PDB file of N, CA and C in Angstrom:
ATOM      1  N   MET A   1      58.672 240.097  25.669  1.00  0.00           N
ATOM      2  CA  MET A   1      59.725 240.956  26.166  1.00  0.00           C
ATOM      3  C   MET A   1      59.131 242.238  26.765  1.00  0.00           C
ATOM      4  N   GLU A   2      58.138 242.772  26.087  1.00  0.00           N
ATOM      5  CA  GLU A   2      57.501 244.001  26.573  1.00  0.00           C
ATOM      6  C   GLU A   2      56.784 243.767  27.897  1.00  0.00           C
ATOM      7  N   GLN A   3      56.191 242.596  28.029  1.00  0.00           N
ATOM      8  CA  GLN A   3      55.501 242.281  29.285  1.00  0.00           C
ATOM      9  C   GLN A   3      56.512 242.175  30.431  1.00  0.00           C
ATOM     10  N   ALA A   4      57.655 241.580  30.178  1.00  0.00           N
ATOM     11  CA  ALA A   4      58.687 241.465  31.195  1.00  0.00           C
ATOM     12  C   ALA A   4      59.210 242.841  31.582  1.00  0.00           C
ATOM     13  N   LYS A   5      59.374 243.736  30.610  1.00  0.00           N
ATOM     14  CA  LYS A   5      59.820 245.100  30.906  1.00  0.00           C
ATOM     15  C   LYS A   5      58.790 245.838  31.746  1.00  0.00           C
ATOM     16  N   ALA A   6      57.513 245.633  31.436  1.00  0.00           N
ATOM     17  CA  ALA A   6      56.447 246.290  32.199  1.00  0.00           C
ATOM     18  C   ALA A   6      56.413 245.764  33.635  1.00  0.00           C
ATOM     19  N   THR A   7      56.617 244.463  33.784  1.00  0.00           N
ATOM     20  CA  THR A   7      56.644 243.873  35.117  1.00  0.00           C
ATOM     21  C   THR A   7      57.823 244.409  35.919  1.00  0.00           C
ATOM     22  N   LEU A   8      58.979 244.537  35.277  1.00  0.00           N
ATOM     23  CA  LEU A   8      60.158 245.079  35.939  1.00  0.00           C
ATOM     24  C   LEU A   8      59.931 246.522  36.365  1.00  0.00           C
ATOM     25  N   ALA A   9      59.340 247.316  35.498  1.00  0.00           N
ATOM     26  CA  ALA A   9      59.072 248.721  35.824  1.00  0.00           C
ATOM     27  C   ALA A   9      58.110 248.833  37.003  1.00  0.00           C
ATOM     28  N   ALA A  10      57.110 247.971  37.039  1.00  0.00           N
ATOM     29  CA  ALA A  10      56.150 247.997  38.152  1.00  0.00           C
ATOM     30  C   ALA A  10      56.840 247.599  39.456  1.00  0.00           C
ATOM     31  N   ALA A  11      57.709 246.593  39.406  1.00  0.00           N
ATOM     32  CA  ALA A  11      58.428 246.164  40.604  1.00  0.00           C
ATOM     33  C   ALA A  11      59.366 247.263  41.091  1.00  0.00           C
ATOM     34  N   GLN A  12      60.031 247.948  40.181  1.00  0.00           N
ATOM     35  CA  GLN A  12      60.920 249.041  40.572  1.00  0.00           C
ATOM     36  C   GLN A  12      60.141 250.194  41.183  1.00  0.00           C
ATOM     37  N   ALA A  13      58.941 250.447  40.675  1.00  0.00           N
ATOM     38  CA  ALA A  13      58.108 251.508  41.232  1.00  0.00           C
ATOM     39  C   ALA A  13      57.669 251.151  42.656  1.00  0.00           C
ATOM     40  N   GLN A  14      57.396 249.888  42.890  1.00  0.00           N
ATOM     41  CA  GLN A  14      56.973 249.463  44.229  1.00  0.00           C
ATOM     42  C   GLN A  14      58.135 249.429  45.205  1.00  0.00           C
ATOM     43  N   LEU A  15      59.339 249.258  44.705  1.00  0.00           N
ATOM     44  CA  LEU A  15      60.509 249.126  45.569  1.00  0.00           C
ATOM     45  C   LEU A  15      60.699 250.335  46.474  1.00  0.00           C
ATOM     46  N   SER A  16      60.561 251.533  45.938  1.00  0.00           N
ATOM     47  CA  SER A  16      60.774 252.726  46.771  1.00  0.00           C
ATOM     48  C   SER A  16      59.716 252.825  47.877  1.00  0.00           C
ATOM     49  N   THR A  17      58.492 252.471  47.549  1.00  0.00           N
ATOM     50  CA  THR A  17      57.430 252.495  48.559  1.00  0.00           C
ATOM     51  C   THR A  17      57.703 251.467  49.645  1.00  0.00           C
ATOM     52  N   ILE A  18      58.140 250.299  49.241  1.00  0.00           N
ATOM     53  CA  ILE A  18      58.436 249.244  50.216  1.00  0.00           C
ATOM     54  C   ILE A  18      59.612 249.645  51.095  1.00  0.00           C
ATOM     55  N   GLN A  19      60.643 250.237  50.501  1.00  0.00           N
ATOM     56  CA  GLN A  19      61.797 250.676  51.286  1.00  0.00           C
ATOM     57  C   GLN A  19      61.407 251.762  52.277  1.00  0.00           C
ATOM     58  N   GLN A  20      60.527 252.649  51.853  1.00  0.00           N
ATOM     59  CA  GLN A  20      60.062 253.719  52.749  1.00  0.00           C
ATOM     60  C   GLN A  20      59.254 253.129  53.907  1.00  0.00           C
ATOM     61  N   ASN A  21      58.386 252.171  53.613  1.00  0.00           N
ATOM     62  CA  ASN A  21      57.603 251.513  54.675  1.00  0.00           C
ATOM     63  C   ASN A  21      58.517 250.775  55.641  1.00  0.00           C
ATOM     64  N   ARG A  22      59.530 250.101  55.109  1.00  0.00           N
ATOM     65  CA  ARG A  22      60.475 249.378  55.960  1.00  0.00           C
ATOM     66  C   ARG A  22      61.209 250.340  56.889  1.00  0.00           C
ATOM     67  N   ALA A  23      61.636 251.484  56.353  1.00  0.00           N
ATOM     68  CA  ALA A  23      62.338 252.467  57.167  1.00  0.00           C
ATOM     69  C   ALA A  23      61.444 252.979  58.298  1.00  0.00           C
ATOM     70  N   GLN A  24      60.176 253.211  57.997  1.00  0.00           N
ATOM     71  CA  GLN A  24      59.241 253.674  59.030  1.00  0.00           C
ATOM     72  C   GLN A  24      59.028 252.608  60.105  1.00  0.00           C
ATOM     73  N   LEU A  25      58.911 251.353  59.682  1.00  0.00           N
ATOM     74  CA  LEU A  25      58.725 250.272  60.653  1.00  0.00           C
ATOM     75  C   LEU A  25      59.966 250.076  61.517  1.00  0.00           C
ATOM     76  N   GLU A  26      61.157 250.162  60.908  1.00  0.00           N
ATOM     77  CA  GLU A  26      62.391 250.059  61.696  1.00  0.00           C
ATOM     78  C   GLU A  26      62.486 251.203  62.695  1.00  0.00           C
ATOM     79  N   HIS A  27      62.085 252.397  62.280  1.00  0.00           N
ATOM     80  CA  HIS A  27      62.098 253.556  63.181  1.00  0.00           C
ATOM     81  C   HIS A  27      61.163 253.298  64.369  1.00  0.00           C
ATOM     82  N   GLY A  28      59.962 252.771  64.072  1.00  0.00           N
ATOM     83  CA  GLY A  28      59.015 252.458  65.142  1.00  0.00           C
ATOM     84  C   GLY A  28      59.538 251.404  66.088  1.00  0.00           C
ATOM     85  N   LEU A  29      60.183 250.375  65.550  1.00  0.00           N
ATOM     86  CA  LEU A  29      60.767 249.339  66.403  1.00  0.00           C
ATOM     87  C   LEU A  29      61.865 249.911  67.294  1.00  0.00           C
ATOM     88  N   ALA A  30      62.694 250.783  66.721  1.00  0.00           N
ATOM     89  CA  ALA A  30      63.767 251.389  67.511  1.00  0.00           C
ATOM     90  C   ALA A  30      63.190 252.186  68.674  1.00  0.00           C
ATOM     91  N   VAL A  31      62.131 252.931  68.409  1.00  0.00           N
ATOM     92  CA  VAL A  31      61.503 253.723  69.468  1.00  0.00           C
ATOM     93  C   VAL A  31      60.935 252.807  70.546  1.00  0.00           C
ATOM     94  N   LEU A  32      60.271 251.716  70.132  1.00  0.00           N
ATOM     95  CA  LEU A  32      59.705 250.783  71.099  1.00  0.00           C
ATOM     96  C   LEU A  32      60.781 250.090  71.933  1.00  0.00           C
ATOM     97  N   LEU A  33      61.946 249.856  71.322  1.00  0.00           N
ATOM     98  CA  LEU A  33      63.037 249.204  72.033  1.00  0.00           C
ATOM     99  C   LEU A  33      63.891 250.180  72.837  1.00  0.00           C
ATOM    100  N   GLY A  34      63.598 251.473  72.704  1.00  0.00           N
ATOM    101  CA  GLY A  34      64.350 252.483  73.439  1.00  0.00           C
ATOM    102  C   GLY A  34      65.732 252.739  72.872  1.00  0.00           C
ATOM    103  N   ARG A  35      65.911 252.517  71.591  1.00  0.00           N
ATOM    104  CA  ARG A  35      67.195 252.744  70.938  1.00  0.00           C
ATOM    105  C   ARG A  35      67.096 253.942  70.006  1.00  0.00           C
ATOM    106  N   PRO A  36      68.223 254.575  69.713  1.00  0.00           N
ATOM    107  CA  PRO A  36      68.169 255.695  68.767  1.00  0.00           C
ATOM    108  C   PRO A  36      67.861 255.182  67.358  1.00  0.00           C
ATOM    109  N   PRO A  37      66.867 255.740  66.683  1.00  0.00           N
ATOM    110  CA  PRO A  37      66.467 255.252  65.364  1.00  0.00           C
ATOM    111  C   PRO A  37      67.552 255.386  64.296  1.00  0.00           C
ATOM    112  N   GLU A  38      68.482 256.341  64.462  1.00  0.00           N
ATOM    113  CA  GLU A  38      69.484 256.572  63.426  1.00  0.00           C
ATOM    114  C   GLU A  38      70.391 255.355  63.244  1.00  0.00           C
ATOM    115  N   GLY A  39      70.747 254.688  64.315  1.00  0.00           N
ATOM    116  CA  GLY A  39      71.669 253.574  64.225  1.00  0.00           C
ATOM    117  C   GLY A  39      71.007 252.212  64.188  1.00  0.00           C
ATOM    118  N   PHE A  40      69.694 252.175  64.255  1.00  0.00           N
ATOM    119  CA  PHE A  40      68.977 250.908  64.318  1.00  0.00           C
ATOM    120  C   PHE A  40      68.675 250.396  62.920  1.00  0.00           C
ATOM    121  N   SER A  41      68.978 249.125  62.678  1.00  0.00           N
ATOM    122  CA  SER A  41      68.684 248.528  61.381  1.00  0.00           C
ATOM    123  C   SER A  41      68.552 247.024  61.546  1.00  0.00           C
ATOM    124  N   LEU A  42      67.644 246.458  60.814  1.00  0.00           N
ATOM    125  CA  LEU A  42      67.472 245.015  60.783  1.00  0.00           C
ATOM    126  C   LEU A  42      67.996 244.510  59.447  1.00  0.00           C
ATOM    127  N   THR A  43      68.805 243.481  59.508  1.00  0.00           N
ATOM    128  CA  THR A  43      69.315 242.940  58.249  1.00  0.00           C
ATOM    129  C   THR A  43      68.293 241.963  57.681  1.00  0.00           C
ATOM    130  N   PRO A  44      67.895 242.167  56.446  1.00  0.00           N
ATOM    131  CA  PRO A  44      66.885 241.283  55.848  1.00  0.00           C
ATOM    132  C   PRO A  44      67.506 239.979  55.357  1.00  0.00           C
ATOM    133  N   THR A  45      67.384 238.942  56.163  1.00  0.00           N
ATOM    134  CA  THR A  45      67.869 237.615  55.764  1.00  0.00           C
ATOM    135  C   THR A  45      66.774 236.603  56.003  1.00  0.00           C
ATOM    136  N   LEU A  46      66.830 235.530  55.278  1.00  0.00           N
ATOM    137  CA  LEU A  46      65.831 234.480  55.454  1.00  0.00           C
ATOM    138  C   LEU A  46      65.986 233.777  56.790  1.00  0.00           C
ATOM    139  N   SER A  47      67.201 233.765  57.330  1.00  0.00           N
ATOM    140  CA  SER A  47      67.388 233.094  58.612  1.00  0.00           C
ATOM    141  C   SER A  47      66.615 233.788  59.721  1.00  0.00           C
ATOM    142  N   ASN A  48      66.365 235.112  59.580  1.00  0.00           N
ATOM    143  CA  ASN A  48      65.556 235.809  60.583  1.00  0.00           C
ATOM    144  C   ASN A  48      64.137 235.254  60.619  1.00  0.00           C
ATOM    145  N   TRP A  49      63.617 234.836  59.487  1.00  0.00           N
ATOM    146  CA  TRP A  49      62.257 234.320  59.430  1.00  0.00           C
ATOM    147  C   TRP A  49      62.162 232.937  60.043  1.00  0.00           C
ATOM    148  N   ASN A  50      63.212 232.146  59.918  1.00  0.00           N
ATOM    149  CA  ASN A  50      63.154 230.759  60.370  1.00  0.00           C
ATOM    150  C   ASN A  50      63.643 230.564  61.796  1.00  0.00           C
ATOM    151  N   ARG A  51      64.285 231.548  62.362  1.00  0.00           N
ATOM    152  CA  ARG A  51      64.853 231.397  63.693  1.00  0.00           C
ATOM    153  C   ARG A  51      63.747 231.279  64.733  1.00  0.00           C
ATOM    154  N   GLY A  52      63.847 230.234  65.537  1.00  0.00           N
ATOM    155  CA  GLY A  52      62.914 230.087  66.643  1.00  0.00           C
ATOM    156  C   GLY A  52      61.548 229.562  66.267  1.00  0.00           C
ATOM    157  N   HIS A  53      61.331 229.273  65.015  1.00  0.00           N
ATOM    158  CA  HIS A  53      60.026 228.773  64.595  1.00  0.00           C
ATOM    159  C   HIS A  53      60.173 227.303  64.238  1.00  0.00           C
ATOM    160  N   THR A  54      59.595 226.466  65.051  1.00  0.00           N
ATOM    161  CA  THR A  54      59.616 225.050  64.761  1.00  0.00           C
ATOM    162  C   THR A  54      58.215 224.623  64.384  1.00  0.00           C
ATOM    163  N   ARG A  55      58.152 223.690  63.515  1.00  0.00           N
ATOM    164  CA  ARG A  55      56.837 223.199  63.092  1.00  0.00           C
ATOM    165  C   ARG A  55      56.257 222.325  64.193  1.00  0.00           C
ATOM    166  N   ARG A  56      55.013 222.586  64.488  1.00  0.00           N
ATOM    167  CA  ARG A  56      54.297 221.788  65.477  1.00  0.00           C
ATOM    168  C   ARG A  56      53.020 221.283  64.830  1.00  0.00           C
ATOM    169  N   PRO A  57      52.567 220.147  65.280  1.00  0.00           N
ATOM    170  CA  PRO A  57      51.295 219.659  64.734  1.00  0.00           C
ATOM    171  C   PRO A  57      50.164 220.614  65.084  1.00  0.00           C
ATOM    172  N   ALA A  58      49.181 220.647  64.214  1.00  0.00           N
ATOM    173  CA  ALA A  58      48.035 221.530  64.441  1.00  0.00           C
ATOM    174  C   ALA A  58      47.317 221.178  65.735  1.00  0.00           C
ATOM    175  N   SER A  59      47.347 219.905  66.121  1.00  0.00           N
ATOM    176  CA  SER A  59      46.658 219.504  67.348  1.00  0.00           C
ATOM    177  C   SER A  59      47.270 220.186  68.569  1.00  0.00           C
ATOM    178  N   ASP A  60      48.602 220.389  68.575  1.00  0.00           N
ATOM    179  CA  ASP A  60      49.228 221.085  69.697  1.00  0.00           C
ATOM    180  C   ASP A  60      48.729 222.522  69.797  1.00  0.00           C
ATOM    181  N   MET A  61      48.588 223.156  68.660  1.00  0.00           N
ATOM    182  CA  MET A  61      48.135 224.544  68.656  1.00  0.00           C
ATOM    183  C   MET A  61      46.679 224.630  69.100  1.00  0.00           C
ATOM    184  N   LEU A  62      45.872 223.666  68.692  1.00  0.00           N
ATOM    185  CA  LEU A  62      44.466 223.676  69.085  1.00  0.00           C
ATOM    186  C   LEU A  62      44.303 223.450  70.577  1.00  0.00           C
ATOM    187  N   GLU A  63      45.146 222.588  71.143  1.00  0.00           N
ATOM    188  CA  GLU A  63      45.024 222.292  72.571  1.00  0.00           C
ATOM    189  C   GLU A  63      45.333 223.498  73.435  1.00  0.00           C
ATOM    190  N   ARG A  64      46.097 224.440  72.917  1.00  0.00           N
ATOM    191  CA  ARG A  64      46.446 225.622  73.705  1.00  0.00           C
ATOM    192  C   ARG A  64      45.374 226.697  73.645  1.00  0.00           C
ATOM    193  N   ARG A  65      44.418 226.561  72.749  1.00  0.00           N
ATOM    194  CA  ARG A  65      43.358 227.572  72.679  1.00  0.00           C
ATOM    195  C   ARG A  65      42.449 227.446  73.890  1.00  0.00           C
ATOM    196  N   PRO A  66      42.131 228.560  74.545  1.00  0.00           N
ATOM    197  CA  PRO A  66      41.308 228.500  75.767  1.00  0.00           C
ATOM    198  C   PRO A  66      39.919 227.920  75.517  1.00  0.00           C
ATOM    199  N   ASP A  67      39.289 228.242  74.388  1.00  0.00           N
ATOM    200  CA  ASP A  67      37.944 227.728  74.148  1.00  0.00           C
ATOM    201  C   ASP A  67      37.963 226.218  73.917  1.00  0.00           C
ATOM    202  N   VAL A  68      39.004 225.712  73.263  1.00  0.00           N
ATOM    203  CA  VAL A  68      39.108 224.273  73.035  1.00  0.00           C
ATOM    204  C   VAL A  68      39.387 223.557  74.357  1.00  0.00           C
ATOM    205  N   ALA A  69      40.268 224.120  75.183  1.00  0.00           N
ATOM    206  CA  ALA A  69      40.573 223.509  76.481  1.00  0.00           C
ATOM    207  C   ALA A  69      39.333 223.480  77.365  1.00  0.00           C
ATOM    208  N   ALA A  70      38.545 224.553  77.353  1.00  0.00           N
ATOM    209  CA  ALA A  70      37.319 224.596  78.159  1.00  0.00           C
ATOM    210  C   ALA A  70      36.321 223.558  77.664  1.00  0.00           C
ATOM    211  N   SER A  71      36.195 223.412  76.356  1.00  0.00           N
ATOM    212  CA  SER A  71      35.287 222.409  75.801  1.00  0.00           C
ATOM    213  C   SER A  71      35.737 221.008  76.188  1.00  0.00           C
ATOM    214  N   GLU A  72      37.042 220.786  76.170  1.00  0.00           N
ATOM    215  CA  GLU A  72      37.566 219.482  76.555  1.00  0.00           C
ATOM    216  C   GLU A  72      37.234 219.167  78.010  1.00  0.00           C
ATOM    217  N   ARG A  73      37.342 220.163  78.874  1.00  0.00           N
ATOM    218  CA  ARG A  73      36.993 219.954  80.283  1.00  0.00           C
ATOM    219  C   ARG A  73      35.493 219.678  80.454  1.00  0.00           C
ATOM    220  N   ARG A  74      34.660 220.382  79.675  1.00  0.00           N
ATOM    221  CA  ARG A  74      33.209 220.135  79.748  1.00  0.00           C
ATOM    222  C   ARG A  74      32.869 218.721  79.296  1.00  0.00           C
ATOM    223  N   VAL A  75      33.524 218.250  78.234  1.00  0.00           N
ATOM    224  CA  VAL A  75      33.272 216.888  77.753  1.00  0.00           C
ATOM    225  C   VAL A  75      33.696 215.878  78.811  1.00  0.00           C
ATOM    226  N   ALA A  76      34.852 216.105  79.448  1.00  0.00           N
ATOM    227  CA  ALA A  76      35.316 215.189  80.494  1.00  0.00           C
ATOM    228  C   ALA A  76      34.336 215.171  81.666  1.00  0.00           C
ATOM    229  N   ALA A  77      33.804 216.335  82.036  1.00  0.00           N
ATOM    230  CA  ALA A  77      32.845 216.402  83.142  1.00  0.00           C
ATOM    231  C   ALA A  77      31.556 215.672  82.779  1.00  0.00           C
ATOM    232  N   GLN A  78      31.080 215.853  81.561  1.00  0.00           N
ATOM    233  CA  GLN A  78      29.859 215.158  81.131  1.00  0.00           C
ATOM    234  C   GLN A  78      30.086 213.649  81.066  1.00  0.00           C
ATOM    235  N   ASN A  79      31.281 213.263  80.646  1.00  0.00           N
ATOM    236  CA  ASN A  79      31.611 211.844  80.599  1.00  0.00           C
ATOM    237  C   ASN A  79      31.602 211.245  81.998  1.00  0.00           C
ATOM    238  N   ALA A  80      32.104 211.981  82.968  1.00  0.00           N
ATOM    239  CA  ALA A  80      32.068 211.511  84.356  1.00  0.00           C
ATOM    240  C   ALA A  80      30.631 211.380  84.844  1.00  0.00           C
ATOM    241  N   GLN A  81      29.753 212.303  84.440  1.00  0.00           N
ATOM    242  CA  GLN A  81      28.345 212.236  84.833  1.00  0.00           C
ATOM    243  C   GLN A  81      27.664 211.001  84.249  1.00  0.00           C
ATOM    244  N   ILE A  82      28.101 210.583  83.060  1.00  0.00           N
ATOM    245  CA  ILE A  82      27.552 209.354  82.476  1.00  0.00           C
ATOM    246  C   ILE A  82      27.897 208.167  83.361  1.00  0.00           C
ATOM    247  N   GLY A  83      29.148 208.137  83.849  1.00  0.00           N
ATOM    248  CA  GLY A  83      29.547 207.062  84.759  1.00  0.00           C
ATOM    249  C   GLY A  83      28.727 207.065  86.039  1.00  0.00           C
ATOM    250  N   VAL A  84      28.437 208.241  86.558  1.00  0.00           N
ATOM    251  CA  VAL A  84      27.619 208.362  87.778  1.00  0.00           C
ATOM    252  C   VAL A  84      26.208 207.864  87.508  1.00  0.00           C
ATOM    253  N   ALA A  85      25.647 208.228  86.349  1.00  0.00           N
ATOM    254  CA  ALA A  85      24.287 207.807  86.016  1.00  0.00           C
ATOM    255  C   ALA A  85      24.202 206.289  85.834  1.00  0.00           C
ATOM    256  N   ILE A  86      25.207 205.703  85.213  1.00  0.00           N
ATOM    257  CA  ILE A  86      25.208 204.245  85.037  1.00  0.00           C
ATOM    258  C   ILE A  86      25.301 203.557  86.394  1.00  0.00           C
ATOM    259  N   ALA A  87      26.149 204.089  87.274  1.00  0.00           N
ATOM    260  CA  ALA A  87      26.282 203.498  88.612  1.00  0.00           C
ATOM    261  C   ALA A  87      24.976 203.612  89.389  1.00  0.00           C
ATOM    262  N   ALA A  88      24.239 204.701  89.204  1.00  0.00           N
ATOM    263  CA  ALA A  88      22.967 204.862  89.906  1.00  0.00           C
ATOM    264  C   ALA A  88      21.902 203.933  89.325  1.00  0.00           C
ATOM    265  N   TYR A  89      21.967 203.658  88.038  1.00  0.00           N
ATOM    266  CA  TYR A  89      20.974 202.805  87.393  1.00  0.00           C
ATOM    267  C   TYR A  89      21.201 201.338  87.730  1.00  0.00           C
ATOM    268  N   PHE A  90      22.474 200.948  87.833  1.00  0.00           N
ATOM    269  CA  PHE A  90      22.809 199.572  88.177  1.00  0.00           C
ATOM    270  C   PHE A  90      23.607 199.559  89.482  1.00  0.00           C
ATOM    271  N   PRO A  91      22.964 199.761  90.624  1.00  0.00           N
ATOM    272  CA  PRO A  91      23.697 199.873  91.887  1.00  0.00           C
ATOM    273  C   PRO A  91      24.392 198.579  92.298  1.00  0.00           C
ATOM    274  N   TRP A  92      23.923 197.427  91.834  1.00  0.00           N
ATOM    275  CA  TRP A  92      24.535 196.155  92.222  1.00  0.00           C
ATOM    276  C   TRP A  92      25.864 195.904  91.490  1.00  0.00           C
ATOM    277  N   CYS A  93      26.158 196.698  90.437  1.00  0.00           N
ATOM    278  CA  CYS A  93      27.393 196.496  89.662  1.00  0.00           C
ATOM    279  C   CYS A  93      28.579 197.265  90.272  1.00  0.00           C
ATOM    280  N   THR A  94      28.326 198.118  91.209  1.00  0.00           N
ATOM    281  CA  THR A  94      29.443 198.924  91.726  1.00  0.00           C
ATOM    282  C   THR A  94      29.968 198.371  93.012  1.00  0.00           C
TER     283      THR A  94
END
């Protein structure tokens, strides 16, 4: 019971700091959006976190990385060079 009370007290102590940080971040967002900070507020709901975020396979995310795309192009170019080398080695097969 004492441990639960201590945990509750620690959470309550952190709550004011978290609320203050949230207020500062909302103020910053209002300024960036060009709105008056006094009337700006974000409602904390779980639906805000899930809106617009769809799960995609990791492979889709990797394909969009510029370094991975460049490596893929280099591999394709080297693969084409292998075909050229084989054709040069066996000219009667082409």
